[in-house]
Amino acid sequence: MNNTQDQKEQKLEAMLQSRRFEPASPDLAERIVRKAQLLPQHQIVSLSGWVKELFTDFHLPRPAYVLVGALIVGFLVGFTIPQPTTSTDDADPSPVQSFLYGDEDML
């Protein structure tokens, strides 16, 4: 097993040594600097600007933003409002299922 692995490594090494090497062009550094100057630099972004950039990254139409925002607000409100608690003695199970038998007569 070691012998085949050594042969593969030697073959790979020979292929790497035989590959053609192209030197970089002499104006490579200048082209990099010019291209970097054209790119916008990082700046401090406000929360609203960050959210706006986030939505532009998703490329969603505006109605989707409204739907996503409404869902997020709904989840936040749903999790923050405390639910009324009742003891198990006070709970009557008949009103919970009463809508199922609205049209039927008593047996």
PDB file of N, CA and C in Angstrom:
ATOM      1  N   MET A   1       0.833  -1.190   0.000  1.00  0.00           N
ATOM      2  CA  MET A   1       0.000   0.000   0.000  1.00  0.00           C
ATOM      3  C   MET A   1       0.874   1.248   0.000  1.00  0.00           C
ATOM      4  N   ASN A   2       1.933   1.213   0.783  1.00  0.00           N
ATOM      5  CA  ASN A   2       2.839   2.351   0.868  1.00  0.00           C
ATOM      6  C   ASN A   2       3.541   2.597  -0.453  1.00  0.00           C
ATOM      7  N   ASN A   3       3.847   1.505  -1.163  1.00  0.00           N
ATOM      8  CA  ASN A   3       4.540   1.616  -2.427  1.00  0.00           C
ATOM      9  C   ASN A   3       3.675   2.329  -3.461  1.00  0.00           C
ATOM     10  N   THR A   4       2.379   1.990  -3.531  1.00  0.00           N
ATOM     11  CA  THR A   4       1.495   2.652  -4.495  1.00  0.00           C
ATOM     12  C   THR A   4       1.285   4.117  -4.128  1.00  0.00           C
ATOM     13  N   GLN A   5       1.247   4.379  -2.838  1.00  0.00           N
ATOM     14  CA  GLN A   5       1.075   5.774  -2.401  1.00  0.00           C
ATOM     15  C   GLN A   5       2.322   6.589  -2.744  1.00  0.00           C
ATOM     16  N   ASP A   6       3.499   6.000  -2.563  1.00  0.00           N
ATOM     17  CA  ASP A   6       4.740   6.692  -2.925  1.00  0.00           C
ATOM     18  C   ASP A   6       4.805   6.942  -4.426  1.00  0.00           C
ATOM     19  N   GLN A   7       4.338   5.960  -5.209  1.00  0.00           N
ATOM     20  CA  GLN A   7       4.334   6.137  -6.663  1.00  0.00           C
ATOM     21  C   GLN A   7       3.396   7.265  -7.076  1.00  0.00           C
ATOM     22  N   LYS A   8       2.224   7.341  -6.428  1.00  0.00           N
ATOM     23  CA  LYS A   8       1.283   8.423  -6.741  1.00  0.00           C
ATOM     24  C   LYS A   8       1.873   9.775  -6.374  1.00  0.00           C
ATOM     25  N   GLU A   9       2.542   9.840  -5.240  1.00  0.00           N
ATOM     26  CA  GLU A   9       3.163  11.105  -4.824  1.00  0.00           C
ATOM     27  C   GLU A   9       4.280  11.504  -5.778  1.00  0.00           C
ATOM     28  N   GLN A  10       5.064  10.527  -6.225  1.00  0.00           N
ATOM     29  CA  GLN A  10       6.141  10.831  -7.167  1.00  0.00           C
ATOM     30  C   GLN A  10       5.572  11.281  -8.511  1.00  0.00           C
ATOM     31  N   LYS A  11       4.493  10.638  -8.932  1.00  0.00           N
ATOM     32  CA  LYS A  11       3.854  11.019 -10.195  1.00  0.00           C
ATOM     33  C   LYS A  11       3.289  12.442 -10.105  1.00  0.00           C
ATOM     34  N   LEU A  12       2.646  12.752  -8.971  1.00  0.00           N
ATOM     35  CA  LEU A  12       2.121  14.099  -8.768  1.00  0.00           C
ATOM     36  C   LEU A  12       3.251  15.116  -8.735  1.00  0.00           C
ATOM     37  N   GLU A  13       4.309  14.786  -8.045  1.00  0.00           N
ATOM     38  CA  GLU A  13       5.459  15.701  -7.969  1.00  0.00           C
ATOM     39  C   GLU A  13       6.057  15.930  -9.352  1.00  0.00           C
ATOM     40  N   ALA A  14       6.143  14.886 -10.160  1.00  0.00           N
ATOM     41  CA  ALA A  14       6.681  15.028 -11.512  1.00  0.00           C
ATOM     42  C   ALA A  14       5.763  15.900 -12.363  1.00  0.00           C
ATOM     43  N   MET A  15       4.448  15.730 -12.207  1.00  0.00           N
ATOM     44  CA  MET A  15       3.517  16.569 -12.960  1.00  0.00           C
ATOM     45  C   MET A  15       3.633  18.028 -12.543  1.00  0.00           C
ATOM     46  N   LEU A  16       3.799  18.276 -11.245  1.00  0.00           N
ATOM     47  CA  LEU A  16       3.945  19.654 -10.776  1.00  0.00           C
ATOM     48  C   LEU A  16       5.240  20.277 -11.287  1.00  0.00           C
ATOM     49  N   GLN A  17       6.297  19.507 -11.341  1.00  0.00           N
ATOM     50  CA  GLN A  17       7.579  20.024 -11.821  1.00  0.00           C
ATOM     51  C   GLN A  17       7.561  20.285 -13.329  1.00  0.00           C
ATOM     52  N   SER A  18       6.766  19.510 -14.062  1.00  0.00           N
ATOM     53  CA  SER A  18       6.759  19.648 -15.521  1.00  0.00           C
ATOM     54  C   SER A  18       5.770  20.713 -16.010  1.00  0.00           C
ATOM     55  N   ARG A  19       4.970  21.256 -15.138  1.00  0.00           N
ATOM     56  CA  ARG A  19       3.988  22.250 -15.586  1.00  0.00           C
ATOM     57  C   ARG A  19       4.682  23.538 -16.018  1.00  0.00           C
ATOM     58  N   ARG A  20       4.002  24.241 -16.895  1.00  0.00           N
ATOM     59  CA  ARG A  20       4.546  25.490 -17.422  1.00  0.00           C
ATOM     60  C   ARG A  20       4.316  26.607 -16.412  1.00  0.00           C
ATOM     61  N   PHE A  21       5.299  27.413 -16.179  1.00  0.00           N
ATOM     62  CA  PHE A  21       5.218  28.518 -15.230  1.00  0.00           C
ATOM     63  C   PHE A  21       5.220  29.826 -16.002  1.00  0.00           C
ATOM     64  N   GLU A  22       4.189  30.626 -15.779  1.00  0.00           N
ATOM     65  CA  GLU A  22       4.111  31.919 -16.442  1.00  0.00           C
ATOM     66  C   GLU A  22       4.385  33.005 -15.415  1.00  0.00           C
ATOM     67  N   PRO A  23       5.370  33.844 -15.657  1.00  0.00           N
ATOM     68  CA  PRO A  23       5.642  34.931 -14.715  1.00  0.00           C
ATOM     69  C   PRO A  23       4.540  35.986 -14.781  1.00  0.00           C
ATOM     70  N   ALA A  24       4.362  36.680 -13.672  1.00  0.00           N
ATOM     71  CA  ALA A  24       3.339  37.732 -13.609  1.00  0.00           C
ATOM     72  C   ALA A  24       3.750  38.902 -14.479  1.00  0.00           C
ATOM     73  N   SER A  25       2.748  39.597 -14.985  1.00  0.00           N
ATOM     74  CA  SER A  25       3.055  40.751 -15.823  1.00  0.00           C
ATOM     75  C   SER A  25       3.678  41.849 -14.965  1.00  0.00           C
ATOM     76  N   PRO A  26       4.515  42.692 -15.560  1.00  0.00           N
ATOM     77  CA  PRO A  26       5.214  43.711 -14.758  1.00  0.00           C
ATOM     78  C   PRO A  26       4.283  44.768 -14.156  1.00  0.00           C
ATOM     79  N   ASP A  27       3.123  45.004 -14.756  1.00  0.00           N
ATOM     80  CA  ASP A  27       2.212  46.017 -14.217  1.00  0.00           C
ATOM     81  C   ASP A  27       1.121  45.407 -13.330  1.00  0.00           C
ATOM     82  N   LEU A  28       1.335  44.213 -12.818  1.00  0.00           N
ATOM     83  CA  LEU A  28       0.334  43.545 -11.990  1.00  0.00           C
ATOM     84  C   LEU A  28       0.026  44.341 -10.725  1.00  0.00           C
ATOM     85  N   ALA A  29       1.051  44.832 -10.067  1.00  0.00           N
ATOM     86  CA  ALA A  29       0.840  45.581  -8.820  1.00  0.00           C
ATOM     87  C   ALA A  29       0.041  46.857  -9.090  1.00  0.00           C
ATOM     88  N   GLU A  30       0.329  47.533 -10.169  1.00  0.00           N
ATOM     89  CA  GLU A  30      -0.391  48.759 -10.509  1.00  0.00           C
ATOM     90  C   GLU A  30      -1.861  48.453 -10.817  1.00  0.00           C
ATOM     91  N   ARG A  31      -2.115  47.374 -11.542  1.00  0.00           N
ATOM     92  CA  ARG A  31      -3.500  47.006 -11.855  1.00  0.00           C
ATOM     93  C   ARG A  31      -4.278  46.658 -10.594  1.00  0.00           C
ATOM     94  N   ILE A  32      -3.630  45.994  -9.645  1.00  0.00           N
ATOM     95  CA  ILE A  32      -4.296  45.658  -8.387  1.00  0.00           C
ATOM     96  C   ILE A  32      -4.653  46.915  -7.621  1.00  0.00           C
ATOM     97  N   VAL A  33      -3.724  47.871  -7.571  1.00  0.00           N
ATOM     98  CA  VAL A  33      -3.972  49.117  -6.844  1.00  0.00           C
ATOM     99  C   VAL A  33      -5.099  49.896  -7.511  1.00  0.00           C
ATOM    100  N   ARG A  34      -5.100  49.990  -8.839  1.00  0.00           N
ATOM    101  CA  ARG A  34      -6.156  50.721  -9.542  1.00  0.00           C
ATOM    102  C   ARG A  34      -7.520  50.073  -9.323  1.00  0.00           C
ATOM    103  N   LYS A  35      -7.574  48.756  -9.367  1.00  0.00           N
ATOM    104  CA  LYS A  35      -8.838  48.056  -9.158  1.00  0.00           C
ATOM    105  C   LYS A  35      -9.325  48.245  -7.722  1.00  0.00           C
ATOM    106  N   ALA A  36      -8.411  48.235  -6.752  1.00  0.00           N
ATOM    107  CA  ALA A  36      -8.790  48.424  -5.351  1.00  0.00           C
ATOM    108  C   ALA A  36      -9.306  49.837  -5.113  1.00  0.00           C
ATOM    109  N   GLN A  37      -8.792  50.813  -5.842  1.00  0.00           N
ATOM    110  CA  GLN A  37      -9.259  52.183  -5.677  1.00  0.00           C
ATOM    111  C   GLN A  37     -10.695  52.341  -6.177  1.00  0.00           C
ATOM    112  N   LEU A  38     -11.109  51.530  -7.130  1.00  0.00           N
ATOM    113  CA  LEU A  38     -12.462  51.617  -7.665  1.00  0.00           C
ATOM    114  C   LEU A  38     -13.496  50.970  -6.758  1.00  0.00           C
ATOM    115  N   LEU A  39     -13.063  50.032  -5.914  1.00  0.00           N
ATOM    116  CA  LEU A  39     -14.003  49.346  -5.023  1.00  0.00           C
ATOM    117  C   LEU A  39     -14.385  50.253  -3.860  1.00  0.00           C
ATOM    118  N   PRO A  40     -15.648  50.209  -3.436  1.00  0.00           N
ATOM    119  CA  PRO A  40     -16.052  51.029  -2.289  1.00  0.00           C
ATOM    120  C   PRO A  40     -15.381  50.527  -1.007  1.00  0.00           C
ATOM    121  N   GLN A  41     -14.955  51.469  -0.192  1.00  0.00           N
ATOM    122  CA  GLN A  41     -14.283  51.126   1.056  1.00  0.00           C
ATOM    123  C   GLN A  41     -15.322  50.889   2.141  1.00  0.00           C
ATOM    124  N   HIS A  42     -14.942  50.121   3.152  1.00  0.00           N
ATOM    125  CA  HIS A  42     -15.852  49.836   4.270  1.00  0.00           C
ATOM    126  C   HIS A  42     -16.059  51.106   5.089  1.00  0.00           C
ATOM    127  N   GLN A  43     -17.276  51.286   5.514  1.00  0.00           N
ATOM    128  CA  GLN A  43     -17.601  52.441   6.330  1.00  0.00           C
ATOM    129  C   GLN A  43     -18.576  52.023   7.417  1.00  0.00           C
ATOM    130  N   ILE A  44     -18.721  52.837   8.421  1.00  0.00           N
ATOM    131  CA  ILE A  44     -19.633  52.528   9.516  1.00  0.00           C
ATOM    132  C   ILE A  44     -21.055  52.649   8.995  1.00  0.00           C
ATOM    133  N   VAL A  45     -21.844  51.594   9.201  1.00  0.00           N
ATOM    134  CA  VAL A  45     -23.199  51.539   8.655  1.00  0.00           C
ATOM    135  C   VAL A  45     -24.182  51.540   9.824  1.00  0.00           C
ATOM    136  N   SER A  46     -25.247  52.318   9.676  1.00  0.00           N
ATOM    137  CA  SER A  46     -26.283  52.335  10.705  1.00  0.00           C
ATOM    138  C   SER A  46     -27.118  51.056  10.602  1.00  0.00           C
ATOM    139  N   LEU A  47     -27.954  50.844  11.599  1.00  0.00           N
ATOM    140  CA  LEU A  47     -28.796  49.651  11.606  1.00  0.00           C
ATOM    141  C   LEU A  47     -29.745  49.646  10.409  1.00  0.00           C
ATOM    142  N   SER A  48     -30.346  50.790  10.116  1.00  0.00           N
ATOM    143  CA  SER A  48     -31.263  50.843   8.974  1.00  0.00           C
ATOM    144  C   SER A  48     -30.525  50.609   7.658  1.00  0.00           C
ATOM    145  N   GLY A  49     -29.311  51.126   7.561  1.00  0.00           N
ATOM    146  CA  GLY A  49     -28.514  50.878   6.361  1.00  0.00           C
ATOM    147  C   GLY A  49     -28.129  49.422   6.224  1.00  0.00           C
ATOM    148  N   TRP A  50     -27.825  48.792   7.363  1.00  0.00           N
ATOM    149  CA  TRP A  50     -27.480  47.370   7.348  1.00  0.00           C
ATOM    150  C   TRP A  50     -28.669  46.527   6.891  1.00  0.00           C
ATOM    151  N   VAL A  51     -29.867  46.850   7.404  1.00  0.00           N
ATOM    152  CA  VAL A  51     -31.073  46.112   7.010  1.00  0.00           C
ATOM    153  C   VAL A  51     -31.349  46.320   5.526  1.00  0.00           C
ATOM    154  N   LYS A  52     -31.168  47.549   5.040  1.00  0.00           N
ATOM    155  CA  LYS A  52     -31.395  47.828   3.623  1.00  0.00           C
ATOM    156  C   LYS A  52     -30.432  47.027   2.754  1.00  0.00           C
ATOM    157  N   GLU A  53     -29.161  46.961   3.147  1.00  0.00           N
ATOM    158  CA  GLU A  53     -28.186  46.174   2.396  1.00  0.00           C
ATOM    159  C   GLU A  53     -28.506  44.687   2.461  1.00  0.00           C
ATOM    160  N   LEU A  54     -28.997  44.236   3.600  1.00  0.00           N
ATOM    161  CA  LEU A  54     -29.368  42.833   3.745  1.00  0.00           C
ATOM    162  C   LEU A  54     -30.484  42.479   2.776  1.00  0.00           C
ATOM    163  N   PHE A  55     -31.495  43.345   2.681  1.00  0.00           N
ATOM    164  CA  PHE A  55     -32.598  43.082   1.761  1.00  0.00           C
ATOM    165  C   PHE A  55     -32.150  43.157   0.304  1.00  0.00           C
ATOM    166  N   THR A  56     -31.239  44.053  -0.025  1.00  0.00           N
ATOM    167  CA  THR A  56     -30.756  44.110  -1.409  1.00  0.00           C
ATOM    168  C   THR A  56     -29.922  42.890  -1.742  1.00  0.00           C
ATOM    169  N   ASP A  57     -29.267  42.298  -0.752  1.00  0.00           N
ATOM    170  CA  ASP A  57     -28.517  41.072  -1.009  1.00  0.00           C
ATOM    171  C   ASP A  57     -29.432  39.906  -1.327  1.00  0.00           C
ATOM    172  N   PHE A  58     -30.626  39.880  -0.758  1.00  0.00           N
ATOM    173  CA  PHE A  58     -31.553  38.790  -1.013  1.00  0.00           C
ATOM    174  C   PHE A  58     -32.283  38.943  -2.344  1.00  0.00           C
ATOM    175  N   HIS A  59     -32.328  40.130  -2.904  1.00  0.00           N
ATOM    176  CA  HIS A  59     -32.999  40.412  -4.169  1.00  0.00           C
ATOM    177  C   HIS A  59     -34.464  39.979  -4.148  1.00  0.00           C
ATOM    178  N   LEU A  60     -35.142  40.281  -3.080  1.00  0.00           N
ATOM    179  CA  LEU A  60     -36.553  39.949  -2.963  1.00  0.00           C
ATOM    180  C   LEU A  60     -37.405  41.153  -3.357  1.00  0.00           C
ATOM    181  N   PRO A  61     -38.575  40.926  -3.906  1.00  0.00           N
ATOM    182  CA  PRO A  61     -39.454  42.056  -4.194  1.00  0.00           C
ATOM    183  C   PRO A  61     -39.991  42.661  -2.898  1.00  0.00           C
ATOM    184  N   ARG A  62     -40.420  43.883  -2.951  1.00  0.00           N
ATOM    185  CA  ARG A  62     -40.851  44.600  -1.756  1.00  0.00           C
ATOM    186  C   ARG A  62     -41.991  43.925  -0.986  1.00  0.00           C
ATOM    187  N   PRO A  63     -42.996  43.326  -1.646  1.00  0.00           N
ATOM    188  CA  PRO A  63     -44.032  42.646  -0.853  1.00  0.00           C
ATOM    189  C   PRO A  63     -43.470  41.523   0.011  1.00  0.00           C
ATOM    190  N   ALA A  64     -42.415  40.898  -0.448  1.00  0.00           N
ATOM    191  CA  ALA A  64     -41.802  39.841   0.364  1.00  0.00           C
ATOM    192  C   ALA A  64     -41.206  40.434   1.638  1.00  0.00           C
ATOM    193  N   TYR A  65     -40.653  41.653   1.554  1.00  0.00           N
ATOM    194  CA  TYR A  65     -40.117  42.300   2.751  1.00  0.00           C
ATOM    195  C   TYR A  65     -41.223  42.525   3.776  1.00  0.00           C
ATOM    196  N   VAL A  66     -42.361  42.960   3.286  1.00  0.00           N
ATOM    197  CA  VAL A  66     -43.480  43.234   4.183  1.00  0.00           C
ATOM    198  C   VAL A  66     -43.930  41.941   4.855  1.00  0.00           C
ATOM    199  N   LEU A  67     -44.025  40.878   4.086  1.00  0.00           N
ATOM    200  CA  LEU A  67     -44.445  39.599   4.646  1.00  0.00           C
ATOM    201  C   LEU A  67     -43.436  39.080   5.669  1.00  0.00           C
ATOM    202  N   VAL A  68     -42.175  39.137   5.335  1.00  0.00           N
ATOM    203  CA  VAL A  68     -41.137  38.679   6.265  1.00  0.00           C
ATOM    204  C   VAL A  68     -41.145  39.541   7.515  1.00  0.00           C
ATOM    205  N   GLY A  69     -41.267  40.849   7.350  1.00  0.00           N
ATOM    206  CA  GLY A  69     -41.317  41.737   8.511  1.00  0.00           C
ATOM    207  C   GLY A  69     -42.514  41.457   9.396  1.00  0.00           C
ATOM    208  N   ALA A  70     -43.677  41.228   8.770  1.00  0.00           N
ATOM    209  CA  ALA A  70     -44.876  40.932   9.553  1.00  0.00           C
ATOM    210  C   ALA A  70     -44.739  39.612  10.301  1.00  0.00           C
ATOM    211  N   LEU A  71     -44.135  38.616   9.671  1.00  0.00           N
ATOM    212  CA  LEU A  71     -43.927  37.343  10.347  1.00  0.00           C
ATOM    213  C   LEU A  71     -42.973  37.486  11.524  1.00  0.00           C
ATOM    214  N   ILE A  72     -41.923  38.241  11.349  1.00  0.00           N
ATOM    215  CA  ILE A  72     -40.963  38.442  12.440  1.00  0.00           C
ATOM    216  C   ILE A  72     -41.629  39.175  13.599  1.00  0.00           C
ATOM    217  N   VAL A  73     -42.362  40.231  13.290  1.00  0.00           N
ATOM    218  CA  VAL A  73     -43.056  40.971  14.350  1.00  0.00           C
ATOM    219  C   VAL A  73     -44.084  40.070  15.033  1.00  0.00           C
ATOM    220  N   GLY A  74     -44.800  39.269  14.273  1.00  0.00           N
ATOM    221  CA  GLY A  74     -45.783  38.352  14.853  1.00  0.00           C
ATOM    222  C   GLY A  74     -45.148  37.351  15.794  1.00  0.00           C
ATOM    223  N   PHE A  75     -44.014  36.784  15.386  1.00  0.00           N
ATOM    224  CA  PHE A  75     -43.319  35.851  16.271  1.00  0.00           C
ATOM    225  C   PHE A  75     -42.845  36.545  17.541  1.00  0.00           C
ATOM    226  N   LEU A  76     -42.284  37.743  17.388  1.00  0.00           N
ATOM    227  CA  LEU A  76     -41.800  38.460  18.570  1.00  0.00           C
ATOM    228  C   LEU A  76     -42.930  38.788  19.526  1.00  0.00           C
ATOM    229  N   VAL A  77     -44.053  39.267  19.001  1.00  0.00           N
ATOM    230  CA  VAL A  77     -45.196  39.592  19.850  1.00  0.00           C
ATOM    231  C   VAL A  77     -45.752  38.325  20.485  1.00  0.00           C
ATOM    232  N   GLY A  78     -45.844  37.254  19.725  1.00  0.00           N
ATOM    233  CA  GLY A  78     -46.377  36.002  20.243  1.00  0.00           C
ATOM    234  C   GLY A  78     -45.544  35.419  21.368  1.00  0.00           C
ATOM    235  N   PHE A  79     -44.240  35.577  21.265  1.00  0.00           N
ATOM    236  CA  PHE A  79     -43.380  35.026  22.305  1.00  0.00           C
ATOM    237  C   PHE A  79     -43.246  35.942  23.516  1.00  0.00           C
ATOM    238  N   THR A  80     -43.520  37.224  23.350  1.00  0.00           N
ATOM    239  CA  THR A  80     -43.338  38.137  24.478  1.00  0.00           C
ATOM    240  C   THR A  80     -44.599  38.338  25.302  1.00  0.00           C
ATOM    241  N   ILE A  81     -45.780  38.127  24.726  1.00  0.00           N
ATOM    242  CA  ILE A  81     -47.023  38.310  25.481  1.00  0.00           C
ATOM    243  C   ILE A  81     -47.249  37.074  26.349  1.00  0.00           C
ATOM    244  N   PRO A  82     -47.406  37.256  27.641  1.00  0.00           N
ATOM    245  CA  PRO A  82     -47.625  36.088  28.502  1.00  0.00           C
ATOM    246  C   PRO A  82     -49.006  35.492  28.261  1.00  0.00           C
ATOM    247  N   GLN A  83     -49.074  34.191  28.272  1.00  0.00           N
ATOM    248  CA  GLN A  83     -50.334  33.493  28.076  1.00  0.00           C
ATOM    249  C   GLN A  83     -51.075  33.400  29.402  1.00  0.00           C
ATOM    250  N   PRO A  84     -52.406  33.570  29.375  1.00  0.00           N
ATOM    251  CA  PRO A  84     -53.157  33.436  30.627  1.00  0.00           C
ATOM    252  C   PRO A  84     -53.113  31.983  31.100  1.00  0.00           C
ATOM    253  N   THR A  85     -52.862  31.827  32.376  1.00  0.00           N
ATOM    254  CA  THR A  85     -52.794  30.472  32.921  1.00  0.00           C
ATOM    255  C   THR A  85     -54.038  30.205  33.751  1.00  0.00           C
ATOM    256  N   THR A  86     -54.581  29.030  33.595  1.00  0.00           N
ATOM    257  CA  THR A  86     -55.739  28.605  34.389  1.00  0.00           C
ATOM    258  C   THR A  86     -55.378  27.299  35.065  1.00  0.00           C
ATOM    259  N   SER A  87     -55.941  27.095  36.189  1.00  0.00           N
ATOM    260  CA  SER A  87     -55.673  25.833  36.876  1.00  0.00           C
ATOM    261  C   SER A  87     -56.450  24.724  36.183  1.00  0.00           C
ATOM    262  N   THR A  88     -56.026  23.508  36.364  1.00  0.00           N
ATOM    263  CA  THR A  88     -56.697  22.387  35.715  1.00  0.00           C
ATOM    264  C   THR A  88     -58.073  22.134  36.313  1.00  0.00           C
ATOM    265  N   ASP A  89     -58.325  22.594  37.536  1.00  0.00           N
ATOM    266  CA  ASP A  89     -59.641  22.410  38.150  1.00  0.00           C
ATOM    267  C   ASP A  89     -60.686  23.300  37.476  1.00  0.00           C
ATOM    268  N   ASP A  90     -60.285  24.503  37.059  1.00  0.00           N
ATOM    269  CA  ASP A  90     -61.220  25.439  36.445  1.00  0.00           C
ATOM    270  C   ASP A  90     -61.490  25.123  34.979  1.00  0.00           C
ATOM    271  N   ALA A  91     -60.612  24.389  34.358  1.00  0.00           N
ATOM    272  CA  ALA A  91     -60.744  24.137  32.924  1.00  0.00           C
ATOM    273  C   ALA A  91     -61.870  23.147  32.660  1.00  0.00           C
ATOM    274  N   ASP A  92     -62.766  23.512  31.777  1.00  0.00           N
ATOM    275  CA  ASP A  92     -63.876  22.642  31.397  1.00  0.00           C
ATOM    276  C   ASP A  92     -63.628  22.186  29.960  1.00  0.00           C
ATOM    277  N   PRO A  93     -63.428  20.908  29.707  1.00  0.00           N
ATOM    278  CA  PRO A  93     -63.089  20.457  28.359  1.00  0.00           C
ATOM    279  C   PRO A  93     -64.246  20.525  27.370  1.00  0.00           C
ATOM    280  N   SER A  94     -65.485  20.672  27.839  1.00  0.00           N
ATOM    281  CA  SER A  94     -66.615  20.662  26.911  1.00  0.00           C
ATOM    282  C   SER A  94     -66.632  21.857  25.961  1.00  0.00           C
ATOM    283  N   PRO A  95     -66.295  23.092  26.346  1.00  0.00           N
ATOM    284  CA  PRO A  95     -66.319  24.181  25.356  1.00  0.00           C
ATOM    285  C   PRO A  95     -65.276  24.018  24.259  1.00  0.00           C
ATOM    286  N   VAL A  96     -64.205  23.298  24.545  1.00  0.00           N
ATOM    287  CA  VAL A  96     -63.164  23.126  23.535  1.00  0.00           C
ATOM    288  C   VAL A  96     -63.690  22.323  22.359  1.00  0.00           C
ATOM    289  N   GLN A  97     -64.478  21.295  22.622  1.00  0.00           N
ATOM    290  CA  GLN A  97     -64.979  20.447  21.551  1.00  0.00           C
ATOM    291  C   GLN A  97     -66.421  20.770  21.160  1.00  0.00           C
ATOM    292  N   SER A  98     -66.988  21.793  21.710  1.00  0.00           N
ATOM    293  CA  SER A  98     -68.394  22.092  21.438  1.00  0.00           C
ATOM    294  C   SER A  98     -68.632  22.489  19.988  1.00  0.00           C
ATOM    295  N   PHE A  99     -67.662  23.044  19.299  1.00  0.00           N
ATOM    296  CA  PHE A  99     -67.871  23.451  17.915  1.00  0.00           C
ATOM    297  C   PHE A  99     -68.018  22.236  16.996  1.00  0.00           C
ATOM    298  N   LEU A 100     -67.573  21.063  17.434  1.00  0.00           N
ATOM    299  CA  LEU A 100     -67.685  19.872  16.599  1.00  0.00           C
ATOM    300  C   LEU A 100     -69.107  19.348  16.506  1.00  0.00           C
ATOM    301  N   TYR A 101     -69.909  19.571  17.529  1.00  0.00           N
ATOM    302  CA  TYR A 101     -71.235  18.987  17.598  1.00  0.00           C
ATOM    303  C   TYR A 101     -72.328  20.058  17.603  1.00  0.00           C
ATOM    304  N   GLY A 102     -72.132  21.130  16.920  1.00  0.00           N
ATOM    305  CA  GLY A 102     -73.087  22.221  16.931  1.00  0.00           C
ATOM    306  C   GLY A 102     -74.421  21.891  16.313  1.00  0.00           C
ATOM    307  N   ASP A 103     -74.473  21.077  15.272  1.00  0.00           N
ATOM    308  CA  ASP A 103     -75.713  20.793  14.555  1.00  0.00           C
ATOM    309  C   ASP A 103     -76.404  19.512  15.028  1.00  0.00           C
ATOM    310  N   GLU A 104     -75.777  18.745  15.853  1.00  0.00           N
ATOM    311  CA  GLU A 104     -76.362  17.469  16.262  1.00  0.00           C
ATOM    312  C   GLU A 104     -77.192  17.638  17.529  1.00  0.00           C
ATOM    313  N   ASP A 105     -78.211  16.793  17.649  1.00  0.00           N
ATOM    314  CA  ASP A 105     -79.039  16.779  18.857  1.00  0.00           C
ATOM    315  C   ASP A 105     -78.393  15.899  19.900  1.00  0.00           C
ATOM    316  N   MET A 106     -78.831  16.081  21.111  1.00  0.00           N
ATOM    317  CA  MET A 106     -78.334  15.247  22.196  1.00  0.00           C
ATOM    318  C   MET A 106     -78.822  13.833  21.996  1.00  0.00           C
ATOM    319  N   LEU A 107     -78.017  12.857  22.268  1.00  0.00           N
ATOM    320  CA  LEU A 107     -78.411  11.463  22.113  1.00  0.00           C
ATOM    321  C   LEU A 107     -79.112  10.944  23.323  1.00  0.00           C
TER     322      LEU A 107
END
